[in-house]
Amino acid sequence: MSRTATVERVTGETAVTVSLNLDGSGQTQVATGIGFFDHMLILLGKHGLFDLVIEAKGDLFVDGHHTVEDTGIVLGQALAKTLGDKSGIKRYGTSYVPMDEALAIVSLDISGRPYLVFDAVLPSERVGQFDSELAEEFFRALSIHAGLTLHVRLLSGKNTHHIIEAMFKALGRALNEATRQDDRIKGVMSTKGML
């Protein structure tokens, strides 16, 4: 079964299209108009081994908030669509990723119960044209629309670029683990019989 999806969202503020292949090899093509955010999404696909194409056009003359949040919404919807009824997936994923002085952990559950814990203080307000506080907004939008319980924690770090990069890489790796299929799992990984 193909685990691919393309989702489009058009509002008065943004136009976002995401194509996702969970069983890819990390091939990415991203254009959001925010260089640092593009870099983070490329890392997410590469380290998650997802094929990912994202095109986002937003009201960047205001700021990056709508573009970043709506990209998280659409990526979350695409992820949910690729997983279908979640049969056979491992469900849980955890990854620690170091980036020089920074160390981040992402632990997640594809539970259908959206919840975000974001435990980090980001030292700088901006990285390039990216408002640092938008990292949390992206994770929240992704969590809600993919149905993830998502914990993002910073264990150490001083450089905001390194911190956010470690988080996105850890997210990719944790998603890769959680979305992998295991032939031993019959139906879904839950005693309830559904996720």
C-alpha atoms as a PDB file:
ATOM      1  CA  MET A   1       0.000   0.000   0.000  1.00  0.00           C
ATOM      2  CA  SER A   2       1.305   3.411  -0.993  1.00  0.00           C
ATOM      3  CA  ARG A   3       1.849   5.712   1.960  1.00  0.00           C
ATOM      4  CA  THR A   4       1.780   8.957   0.029  1.00  0.00           C
ATOM      5  CA  ALA A   5      -0.392  12.056   0.162  1.00  0.00           C
ATOM      6  CA  THR A   6      -0.670  15.500  -1.347  1.00  0.00           C
ATOM      7  CA  VAL A   7      -2.587  18.139   0.592  1.00  0.00           C
ATOM      8  CA  GLU A   8      -3.298  21.737  -0.381  1.00  0.00           C
ATOM      9  CA  ARG A   9      -4.571  24.584   1.796  1.00  0.00           C
ATOM     10  CA  VAL A  10      -5.429  28.011   0.425  1.00  0.00           C
ATOM     11  CA  THR A  11      -6.528  30.879   2.674  1.00  0.00           C
ATOM     12  CA  GLY A  12      -6.506  34.651   2.480  1.00  0.00           C
ATOM     13  CA  GLU A  13      -3.053  34.542   4.103  1.00  0.00           C
ATOM     14  CA  THR A  14      -1.267  31.559   2.567  1.00  0.00           C
ATOM     15  CA  ALA A  15      -1.252  28.915  -0.147  1.00  0.00           C
ATOM     16  CA  VAL A  16       0.518  25.730   0.966  1.00  0.00           C
ATOM     17  CA  THR A  17       0.950  22.423  -0.848  1.00  0.00           C
ATOM     18  CA  VAL A  18       2.679  19.418   0.722  1.00  0.00           C
ATOM     19  CA  SER A  19       3.461  16.090  -0.963  1.00  0.00           C
ATOM     20  CA  LEU A  20       4.730  13.398   1.384  1.00  0.00           C
ATOM     21  CA  ASN A  21       5.986   9.861   0.818  1.00  0.00           C
ATOM     22  CA  LEU A  22       6.653   8.101   4.122  1.00  0.00           C
ATOM     23  CA  ASP A  23       8.619   5.332   2.429  1.00  0.00           C
ATOM     24  CA  GLY A  24      11.036   7.545   0.551  1.00  0.00           C
ATOM     25  CA  SER A  25      14.759   8.115   0.848  1.00  0.00           C
ATOM     26  CA  GLY A  26      14.983  11.673   2.156  1.00  0.00           C
ATOM     27  CA  GLN A  27      14.588  13.519  -1.146  1.00  0.00           C
ATOM     28  CA  THR A  28      13.267  17.010  -0.453  1.00  0.00           C
ATOM     29  CA  GLN A  29      12.241  20.111  -2.329  1.00  0.00           C
ATOM     30  CA  VAL A  30      11.119  23.033  -0.175  1.00  0.00           C
ATOM     31  CA  ALA A  31      10.253  26.657  -0.928  1.00  0.00           C
ATOM     32  CA  THR A  32       8.507  28.735   1.751  1.00  0.00           C
ATOM     33  CA  GLY A  33      10.190  32.100   1.240  1.00  0.00           C
ATOM     34  CA  ILE A  34      11.899  31.792   4.652  1.00  0.00           C
ATOM     35  CA  GLY A  35      15.417  30.477   4.146  1.00  0.00           C
ATOM     36  CA  PHE A  36      16.064  29.091   7.611  1.00  0.00           C
ATOM     37  CA  PHE A  37      12.642  27.408   7.715  1.00  0.00           C
ATOM     38  CA  ASP A  38      13.348  25.802   4.320  1.00  0.00           C
ATOM     39  CA  HIS A  39      16.610  24.490   5.748  1.00  0.00           C
ATOM     40  CA  MET A  40      14.806  22.984   8.762  1.00  0.00           C
ATOM     41  CA  LEU A  41      12.141  21.285   6.623  1.00  0.00           C
ATOM     42  CA  ILE A  42      14.806  19.847   4.326  1.00  0.00           C
ATOM     43  CA  LEU A  43      16.554  18.418   7.405  1.00  0.00           C
ATOM     44  CA  LEU A  44      13.236  16.999   8.643  1.00  0.00           C
ATOM     45  CA  GLY A  45      12.726  15.095   5.385  1.00  0.00           C
ATOM     46  CA  LYS A  46      16.338  13.975   5.126  1.00  0.00           C
ATOM     47  CA  HIS A  47      16.595  12.644   8.670  1.00  0.00           C
ATOM     48  CA  GLY A  48      13.103  11.135   8.575  1.00  0.00           C
ATOM     49  CA  LEU A  49      13.882   9.439   5.239  1.00  0.00           C
ATOM     50  CA  PHE A  50      10.675  10.950   3.834  1.00  0.00           C
ATOM     51  CA  ASP A  51      10.319  12.267   0.315  1.00  0.00           C
ATOM     52  CA  LEU A  52       8.907  15.713   0.891  1.00  0.00           C
ATOM     53  CA  VAL A  53       7.856  18.511  -1.445  1.00  0.00           C
ATOM     54  CA  ILE A  54       6.610  21.723   0.156  1.00  0.00           C
ATOM     55  CA  GLU A  55       5.596  24.929  -1.569  1.00  0.00           C
ATOM     56  CA  ALA A  56       4.269  27.757   0.567  1.00  0.00           C
ATOM     57  CA  LYS A  57       3.413  31.287  -0.424  1.00  0.00           C
ATOM     58  CA  GLY A  58       2.359  33.548   2.396  1.00  0.00           C
ATOM     59  CA  ASP A  59       1.983  37.111   3.581  1.00  0.00           C
ATOM     60  CA  LEU A  60       5.639  37.497   4.492  1.00  0.00           C
ATOM     61  CA  PHE A  61       5.245  41.272   4.278  1.00  0.00           C
ATOM     62  CA  VAL A  62       3.413  40.868   7.609  1.00  0.00           C
ATOM     63  CA  ASP A  63       5.774  38.294   9.120  1.00  0.00           C
ATOM     64  CA  GLY A  64       6.439  34.564   8.886  1.00  0.00           C
ATOM     65  CA  HIS A  65       3.816  33.402  11.370  1.00  0.00           C
ATOM     66  CA  HIS A  66       1.037  32.412   8.960  1.00  0.00           C
ATOM     67  CA  THR A  67       3.433  30.700   6.559  1.00  0.00           C
ATOM     68  CA  VAL A  68       5.124  28.637   9.281  1.00  0.00           C
ATOM     69  CA  GLU A  69       1.926  27.702  11.100  1.00  0.00           C
ATOM     70  CA  ASP A  70       0.028  26.808   7.925  1.00  0.00           C
ATOM     71  CA  THR A  71       2.940  24.694   6.710  1.00  0.00           C
ATOM     72  CA  GLY A  72       2.726  22.776   9.999  1.00  0.00           C
ATOM     73  CA  ILE A  73      -1.031  22.370   9.517  1.00  0.00           C
ATOM     74  CA  VAL A  74      -0.715  20.995   5.989  1.00  0.00           C
ATOM     75  CA  LEU A  75       2.239  18.747   6.785  1.00  0.00           C
ATOM     76  CA  GLY A  76       0.270  17.374   9.743  1.00  0.00           C
ATOM     77  CA  GLN A  77      -2.739  16.698   7.514  1.00  0.00           C
ATOM     78  CA  ALA A  78      -0.534  14.975   4.943  1.00  0.00           C
ATOM     79  CA  LEU A  79       1.066  12.822   7.638  1.00  0.00           C
ATOM     80  CA  ALA A  80      -2.336  11.788   8.986  1.00  0.00           C
ATOM     81  CA  LYS A  81      -3.520  10.956   5.471  1.00  0.00           C
ATOM     82  CA  THR A  82      -0.483   8.787   4.679  1.00  0.00           C
ATOM     83  CA  LEU A  83      -1.004   6.751   7.852  1.00  0.00           C
ATOM     84  CA  GLY A  84      -4.655   5.932   7.182  1.00  0.00           C
ATOM     85  CA  ASP A  85      -5.984   3.793  10.046  1.00  0.00           C
ATOM     86  CA  LYS A  86      -2.402   3.420  11.413  1.00  0.00           C
ATOM     87  CA  SER A  87      -2.413  -0.357  11.047  1.00  0.00           C
ATOM     88  CA  GLY A  88       0.966  -1.973  11.572  1.00  0.00           C
ATOM     89  CA  ILE A  89       2.914   1.135  12.625  1.00  0.00           C
ATOM     90  CA  LYS A  90       5.136   1.162  15.683  1.00  0.00           C
ATOM     91  CA  ARG A  91       3.306   4.276  16.953  1.00  0.00           C
ATOM     92  CA  TYR A  92       6.055   5.593  19.266  1.00  0.00           C
ATOM     93  CA  GLY A  93       9.338   7.259  18.383  1.00  0.00           C
ATOM     94  CA  THR A  94      12.091   8.959  20.360  1.00  0.00           C
ATOM     95  CA  SER A  95      15.309  10.558  19.216  1.00  0.00           C
ATOM     96  CA  TYR A  96      18.122  12.437  20.906  1.00  0.00           C
ATOM     97  CA  VAL A  97      20.098  14.611  18.511  1.00  0.00           C
ATOM     98  CA  PRO A  98      23.261  16.573  19.330  1.00  0.00           C
ATOM     99  CA  MET A  99      24.238  19.615  17.278  1.00  0.00           C
ATOM    100  CA  ASP A 100      27.541  20.855  18.628  1.00  0.00           C
ATOM    101  CA  GLU A 101      26.735  22.272  22.103  1.00  0.00           C
ATOM    102  CA  ALA A 102      22.992  21.697  21.692  1.00  0.00           C
ATOM    103  CA  LEU A 103      21.210  18.484  22.608  1.00  0.00           C
ATOM    104  CA  ALA A 104      17.503  18.033  21.902  1.00  0.00           C
ATOM    105  CA  ILE A 105      15.093  15.178  22.453  1.00  0.00           C
ATOM    106  CA  VAL A 106      11.857  14.582  20.593  1.00  0.00           C
ATOM    107  CA  SER A 107       9.537  11.851  21.806  1.00  0.00           C
ATOM    108  CA  LEU A 108       6.167  11.273  20.177  1.00  0.00           C
ATOM    109  CA  ASP A 109       3.116   9.066  20.060  1.00  0.00           C
ATOM    110  CA  ILE A 110       0.910   8.827  16.969  1.00  0.00           C
ATOM    111  CA  SER A 111      -2.024   8.557  19.331  1.00  0.00           C
ATOM    112  CA  GLY A 112      -4.750  10.623  17.729  1.00  0.00           C
ATOM    113  CA  ARG A 113      -4.587  12.804  20.869  1.00  0.00           C
ATOM    114  CA  PRO A 114      -2.881  16.073  19.945  1.00  0.00           C
ATOM    115  CA  TYR A 115      -0.709  17.484  22.714  1.00  0.00           C
ATOM    116  CA  LEU A 116       2.488  19.503  22.623  1.00  0.00           C
ATOM    117  CA  VAL A 117       5.059  19.932  25.358  1.00  0.00           C
ATOM    118  CA  PHE A 118       7.712  22.389  24.195  1.00  0.00           C
ATOM    119  CA  ASP A 119      10.346  22.784  26.878  1.00  0.00           C
ATOM    120  CA  ALA A 120      13.046  25.094  25.586  1.00  0.00           C
ATOM    121  CA  VAL A 121      14.310  28.623  25.972  1.00  0.00           C
ATOM    122  CA  LEU A 122      15.656  29.952  22.687  1.00  0.00           C
ATOM    123  CA  PRO A 123      18.457  32.472  23.312  1.00  0.00           C
ATOM    124  CA  SER A 124      18.003  34.570  20.153  1.00  0.00           C
ATOM    125  CA  GLU A 125      14.779  36.077  18.846  1.00  0.00           C
ATOM    126  CA  ARG A 126      15.688  35.421  15.218  1.00  0.00           C
ATOM    127  CA  VAL A 127      17.755  33.134  13.029  1.00  0.00           C
ATOM    128  CA  GLY A 128      18.083  34.848   9.676  1.00  0.00           C
ATOM    129  CA  GLN A 129      14.540  35.867   8.687  1.00  0.00           C
ATOM    130  CA  PHE A 130      12.984  33.233  10.970  1.00  0.00           C
ATOM    131  CA  ASP A 131      11.372  34.289  14.260  1.00  0.00           C
ATOM    132  CA  SER A 132      12.610  31.729  16.778  1.00  0.00           C
ATOM    133  CA  GLU A 133       9.252  31.556  18.580  1.00  0.00           C
ATOM    134  CA  LEU A 134       7.729  30.165  15.372  1.00  0.00           C
ATOM    135  CA  ALA A 135       9.481  26.831  15.952  1.00  0.00           C
ATOM    136  CA  GLU A 136       7.000  26.123  18.737  1.00  0.00           C
ATOM    137  CA  GLU A 137       4.097  27.267  16.533  1.00  0.00           C
ATOM    138  CA  PHE A 138       5.167  24.831  13.815  1.00  0.00           C
ATOM    139  CA  PHE A 139       5.408  21.923  16.256  1.00  0.00           C
ATOM    140  CA  ARG A 140       1.993  22.784  17.718  1.00  0.00           C
ATOM    141  CA  ALA A 141       0.280  22.952  14.312  1.00  0.00           C
ATOM    142  CA  LEU A 142       1.897  19.665  13.259  1.00  0.00           C
ATOM    143  CA  SER A 143       0.873  17.975  16.509  1.00  0.00           C
ATOM    144  CA  ILE A 144      -2.752  19.074  16.253  1.00  0.00           C
ATOM    145  CA  HIS A 145      -3.272  18.181  12.604  1.00  0.00           C
ATOM    146  CA  ALA A 146      -1.330  14.903  12.613  1.00  0.00           C
ATOM    147  CA  GLY A 147      -2.843  13.790  15.928  1.00  0.00           C
ATOM    148  CA  LEU A 148       0.502  13.539  17.720  1.00  0.00           C
ATOM    149  CA  THR A 149       1.380  13.658  21.371  1.00  0.00           C
ATOM    150  CA  LEU A 150       4.663  15.500  20.893  1.00  0.00           C
ATOM    151  CA  HIS A 151       7.357  16.324  23.424  1.00  0.00           C
ATOM    152  CA  VAL A 152      10.190  18.599  22.321  1.00  0.00           C
ATOM    153  CA  ARG A 153      12.798  19.267  24.985  1.00  0.00           C
ATOM    154  CA  LEU A 154      16.124  21.058  25.006  1.00  0.00           C
ATOM    155  CA  LEU A 155      18.689  19.384  27.250  1.00  0.00           C
ATOM    156  CA  SER A 156      21.535  21.810  26.512  1.00  0.00           C
ATOM    157  CA  GLY A 157      22.367  24.544  24.064  1.00  0.00           C
ATOM    158  CA  LYS A 158      23.415  28.160  23.594  1.00  0.00           C
ATOM    159  CA  ASN A 159      23.204  28.744  19.847  1.00  0.00           C
ATOM    160  CA  THR A 160      19.640  29.143  18.605  1.00  0.00           C
ATOM    161  CA  HIS A 161      20.451  27.838  15.112  1.00  0.00           C
ATOM    162  CA  HIS A 162      21.966  24.692  16.603  1.00  0.00           C
ATOM    163  CA  ILE A 163      19.055  24.230  19.039  1.00  0.00           C
ATOM    164  CA  ILE A 164      16.301  24.460  16.430  1.00  0.00           C
ATOM    165  CA  GLU A 165      18.266  22.316  13.992  1.00  0.00           C
ATOM    166  CA  ALA A 166      18.690  19.590  16.609  1.00  0.00           C
ATOM    167  CA  MET A 167      14.928  19.701  17.241  1.00  0.00           C
ATOM    168  CA  PHE A 168      13.969  19.325  13.583  1.00  0.00           C
ATOM    169  CA  LYS A 169      16.450  16.507  13.010  1.00  0.00           C
ATOM    170  CA  ALA A 170      15.181  14.736  16.133  1.00  0.00           C
ATOM    171  CA  LEU A 171      11.587  15.184  14.937  1.00  0.00           C
ATOM    172  CA  GLY A 172      12.433  13.575  11.599  1.00  0.00           C
ATOM    173  CA  ARG A 173      14.160  10.629  13.232  1.00  0.00           C
ATOM    174  CA  ALA A 174      11.376  10.108  15.796  1.00  0.00           C
ATOM    175  CA  LEU A 175       8.709  10.233  13.082  1.00  0.00           C
ATOM    176  CA  ASN A 176      10.677   7.742  11.015  1.00  0.00           C
ATOM    177  CA  GLU A 177      10.742   5.331  13.956  1.00  0.00           C
ATOM    178  CA  ALA A 178       7.065   5.784  14.854  1.00  0.00           C
ATOM    179  CA  THR A 179       5.743   5.428  11.298  1.00  0.00           C
ATOM    180  CA  ARG A 180       7.734   2.279  10.476  1.00  0.00           C
ATOM    181  CA  GLN A 181       5.636  -0.785   9.910  1.00  0.00           C
ATOM    182  CA  ASP A 182       6.271  -4.008  11.783  1.00  0.00           C
ATOM    183  CA  ASP A 183       4.846  -7.274  10.450  1.00  0.00           C
ATOM    184  CA  ARG A 184       4.334  -8.506  14.020  1.00  0.00           C
ATOM    185  CA  ILE A 185       1.787  -5.757  14.692  1.00  0.00           C
ATOM    186  CA  LYS A 186      -1.681  -6.912  13.716  1.00  0.00           C
ATOM    187  CA  GLY A 187      -4.064  -3.996  13.369  1.00  0.00           C
ATOM    188  CA  VAL A 188      -3.032  -1.040  15.505  1.00  0.00           C
ATOM    189  CA  MET A 189      -0.646  -0.870  18.448  1.00  0.00           C
ATOM    190  CA  SER A 190      -3.378  -0.358  21.041  1.00  0.00           C
ATOM    191  CA  THR A 191      -5.487  -2.570  23.282  1.00  0.00           C
ATOM    192  CA  LYS A 192      -8.425  -0.300  22.332  1.00  0.00           C
ATOM    193  CA  GLY A 193      -8.294  -1.565  18.768  1.00  0.00           C
ATOM    194  CA  MET A 194      -8.044   1.932  17.329  1.00  0.00           C
ATOM    195  CA  LEU A 195      -5.876   5.031  17.454  1.00  0.00           C
END
